[in-house]
Amino acid sequence: MDITGLLIFLAIGAVAGWIAGTLMKGGGFGLLINIVIGVIGAVLGGFVFGLLGISAGGLIGSVLTATVGAVLLLFVIGIIKKA
């Protein structure tokens, strides 16, 4: 992965983390945490979409996949914190 690909990946992670944070708690978590949540969400979303046989290509598909994964991640973290 070259530097451009890495920067795009991190930007998608930041956007997805911010969207997920806004949906789940009403606001973002800050740039660094948004990137971490978005990147983990991208991996989780890609795994879940792969299991379901869904292929999301392109920039919008990547953001959507990462956002869905990040929302799932925050949902699971919320359940664990309440237990």
C-alpha atoms as a PDB file:
ATOM      1  CA  MET A   1       0.000   0.000   0.000  1.00  0.00           C
ATOM      2  CA  ASP A   2       1.464   3.340  -0.982  1.00  0.00           C
ATOM      3  CA  ILE A   3       1.109   6.578   0.996  1.00  0.00           C
ATOM      4  CA  THR A   4      -1.894   7.724  -1.052  1.00  0.00           C
ATOM      5  CA  GLY A   5      -3.766   4.492  -0.396  1.00  0.00           C
ATOM      6  CA  LEU A   6      -2.968   4.735   3.305  1.00  0.00           C
ATOM      7  CA  LEU A   7      -4.209   8.327   3.496  1.00  0.00           C
ATOM      8  CA  ILE A   8      -7.438   7.389   1.701  1.00  0.00           C
ATOM      9  CA  PHE A   9      -7.919   4.433   4.055  1.00  0.00           C
ATOM     10  CA  LEU A  10      -7.429   6.673   7.094  1.00  0.00           C
ATOM     11  CA  ALA A  11      -9.768   9.338   5.665  1.00  0.00           C
ATOM     12  CA  ILE A  12     -12.474   6.720   5.058  1.00  0.00           C
ATOM     13  CA  GLY A  13     -11.922   5.465   8.613  1.00  0.00           C
ATOM     14  CA  ALA A  14     -12.242   8.980  10.024  1.00  0.00           C
ATOM     15  CA  VAL A  15     -15.468   9.664   8.125  1.00  0.00           C
ATOM     16  CA  ALA A  16     -16.962   6.280   9.005  1.00  0.00           C
ATOM     17  CA  GLY A  17     -15.986   6.652  12.673  1.00  0.00           C
ATOM     18  CA  TRP A  18     -17.504  10.129  12.823  1.00  0.00           C
ATOM     19  CA  ILE A  19     -20.757   8.975  11.179  1.00  0.00           C
ATOM     20  CA  ALA A  20     -20.991   5.958  13.495  1.00  0.00           C
ATOM     21  CA  GLY A  21     -20.275   8.109  16.550  1.00  0.00           C
ATOM     22  CA  THR A  22     -22.938  10.576  15.486  1.00  0.00           C
ATOM     23  CA  LEU A  23     -25.485   7.815  14.926  1.00  0.00           C
ATOM     24  CA  MET A  24     -24.752   5.929  18.124  1.00  0.00           C
ATOM     25  CA  LYS A  25     -24.165   8.648  20.708  1.00  0.00           C
ATOM     26  CA  GLY A  26     -24.986  11.938  19.001  1.00  0.00           C
ATOM     27  CA  GLY A  27     -21.437  13.162  18.347  1.00  0.00           C
ATOM     28  CA  GLY A  28     -17.983  12.156  17.198  1.00  0.00           C
ATOM     29  CA  PHE A  29     -15.192  10.968  19.484  1.00  0.00           C
ATOM     30  CA  GLY A  30     -12.357  13.120  18.172  1.00  0.00           C
ATOM     31  CA  LEU A  31     -10.199  12.577  15.101  1.00  0.00           C
ATOM     32  CA  LEU A  32      -7.890   9.840  16.395  1.00  0.00           C
ATOM     33  CA  ILE A  33     -10.625   7.730  18.000  1.00  0.00           C
ATOM     34  CA  ASN A  34     -12.856   8.220  14.928  1.00  0.00           C
ATOM     35  CA  ILE A  35     -10.058   6.867  12.730  1.00  0.00           C
ATOM     36  CA  VAL A  36      -9.501   3.869  15.024  1.00  0.00           C
ATOM     37  CA  ILE A  37     -13.233   3.093  15.195  1.00  0.00           C
ATOM     38  CA  GLY A  38     -13.581   3.535  11.429  1.00  0.00           C
ATOM     39  CA  VAL A  39     -10.599   1.325  10.571  1.00  0.00           C
ATOM     40  CA  ILE A  40     -11.753  -1.453  12.907  1.00  0.00           C
ATOM     41  CA  GLY A  41     -15.257  -0.929  11.532  1.00  0.00           C
ATOM     42  CA  ALA A  42     -13.965  -1.310   7.972  1.00  0.00           C
ATOM     43  CA  VAL A  43     -12.469  -4.690   8.818  1.00  0.00           C
ATOM     44  CA  LEU A  44     -15.579  -5.793  10.718  1.00  0.00           C
ATOM     45  CA  GLY A  45     -17.936  -4.483   8.030  1.00  0.00           C
ATOM     46  CA  GLY A  46     -15.940  -6.188   5.279  1.00  0.00           C
ATOM     47  CA  PHE A  47     -16.115  -9.458   7.202  1.00  0.00           C
ATOM     48  CA  VAL A  48     -19.868  -9.195   7.823  1.00  0.00           C
ATOM     49  CA  PHE A  49     -20.629  -8.102   4.258  1.00  0.00           C
ATOM     50  CA  GLY A  50     -18.473 -10.993   3.002  1.00  0.00           C
ATOM     51  CA  LEU A  51     -20.451 -13.469   5.097  1.00  0.00           C
ATOM     52  CA  LEU A  52     -23.679 -12.079   3.667  1.00  0.00           C
ATOM     53  CA  GLY A  53     -22.338 -12.176   0.117  1.00  0.00           C
ATOM     54  CA  ILE A  54     -22.600  -8.407  -0.301  1.00  0.00           C
ATOM     55  CA  SER A  55     -19.980  -6.630  -2.376  1.00  0.00           C
ATOM     56  CA  ALA A  56     -19.693  -2.871  -1.859  1.00  0.00           C
ATOM     57  CA  GLY A  57     -17.252  -1.306  -4.302  1.00  0.00           C
ATOM     58  CA  GLY A  58     -16.112   2.248  -4.837  1.00  0.00           C
ATOM     59  CA  LEU A  59     -15.657   5.107  -2.414  1.00  0.00           C
ATOM     60  CA  ILE A  60     -19.291   5.270  -1.265  1.00  0.00           C
ATOM     61  CA  GLY A  61     -19.393   1.499  -0.796  1.00  0.00           C
ATOM     62  CA  SER A  62     -16.198   1.604   1.254  1.00  0.00           C
ATOM     63  CA  VAL A  63     -17.551   4.346   3.508  1.00  0.00           C
ATOM     64  CA  LEU A  64     -20.850   2.472   3.864  1.00  0.00           C
ATOM     65  CA  THR A  65     -19.090  -0.790   4.727  1.00  0.00           C
ATOM     66  CA  ALA A  66     -16.827   0.906   7.269  1.00  0.00           C
ATOM     67  CA  THR A  67     -19.751   2.817   8.787  1.00  0.00           C
ATOM     68  CA  VAL A  68     -21.892  -0.300   9.203  1.00  0.00           C
ATOM     69  CA  GLY A  69     -18.952  -2.099  10.800  1.00  0.00           C
ATOM     70  CA  ALA A  70     -18.225   0.849  13.091  1.00  0.00           C
ATOM     71  CA  VAL A  71     -21.880   1.050  14.179  1.00  0.00           C
ATOM     72  CA  LEU A  72     -21.793  -2.685  14.947  1.00  0.00           C
ATOM     73  CA  LEU A  73     -18.572  -2.192  16.900  1.00  0.00           C
ATOM     74  CA  LEU A  74     -20.024   0.658  18.971  1.00  0.00           C
ATOM     75  CA  PHE A  75     -23.221  -1.333  19.549  1.00  0.00           C
ATOM     76  CA  VAL A  76     -21.261  -4.317  20.893  1.00  0.00           C
ATOM     77  CA  ILE A  77     -19.067  -2.051  23.039  1.00  0.00           C
ATOM     78  CA  GLY A  78     -22.219  -0.427  24.446  1.00  0.00           C
ATOM     79  CA  ILE A  79     -23.662  -3.832  25.353  1.00  0.00           C
ATOM     80  CA  ILE A  80     -20.407  -4.886  27.022  1.00  0.00           C
ATOM     81  CA  LYS A  81     -20.177  -1.637  29.012  1.00  0.00           C
ATOM     82  CA  LYS A  82     -23.720  -2.088  30.356  1.00  0.00           C
ATOM     83  CA  ALA A  83     -23.070  -5.671  31.454  1.00  0.00           C
END
